[in-house]
Amino acid sequence: MSTILHELVSAARELVASGLVTGAGGNVSARAGDVLYVSPSGYSLADAGPDDYARVSVASGEVAPGSRRPSSEVLMHLYLYRARPDVAAVLHAHPRKTIALTAAGHDLRPIFPDYHVYLGAEVPHLDYVTVTTEALARAVEQALRPAHRRGVVLRNHGALTVGASVKEALFRAQAIEEQADIQWCALQVGTPRYLTAEECAELDALASEAYRRELLARMRSDA
């Protein structure tokens, strides 16, 4: 059994423990060569074990014989892997504060350094597209096609992050909701003070932050 699959199962359960998905919501995947391991349709991420994850060919989209039915959002994952050879993991969650803020017309903007460090300067915010459709898969693919983009917010739906490792994608997913939570709180008590472009550029220039990013990207396992 692939080590990266076990890391994916662990990350999926951490999404549940963090409150970023509930019930059978959300879906996760990781790539090992041409094989895509993706969470099974209808299963809670808390309950699905390694043997429950579907195996899908990245190139053809064909489901391996004997596999469970893959997530209904599998097209979103396939399109991303085909467009982004640098991506090894994709996590799609339904973070409450992120959904609430962005459905109310707010865009997430960096208030604290970690959001910018993990997500970068560009986090697209897509207007609602019907879930599980090819239209949504294509919209997400186009939003994340540029290699410097690491996550996307889906209004009235959730958020999706990518990474060169499962851990990197997980940290990015958690950073999105942490930013939303902080921004929500700031809006309750006053006018938030966001980090400026210059301050974000200074973060990018810090050797300590470059090391942190590189370390997360390297936290990938042999398939």
Foldseek 3Di string as FASTA:
>chain_A
DDPQLQVFLVLLLVCVVVVQADQQDWKKWFDAPQWIWIAAARHRSNPDDSQQTWIAGLVPRDTDPPHHHGHLQVLLVSLQCVLDVLWGMKIWTAQDLLQVQVLVPDDQFAQDQLLCLLFNDDAEEAEADDPSDVVVSVVSSVSPSPPSGAKYHYHNGGIMGTALGSQSRSSNRVSSNVSSVVCVVCVVPHDGDGDDPVNSVVCVVDPVSVVVRVVSNPPHDND
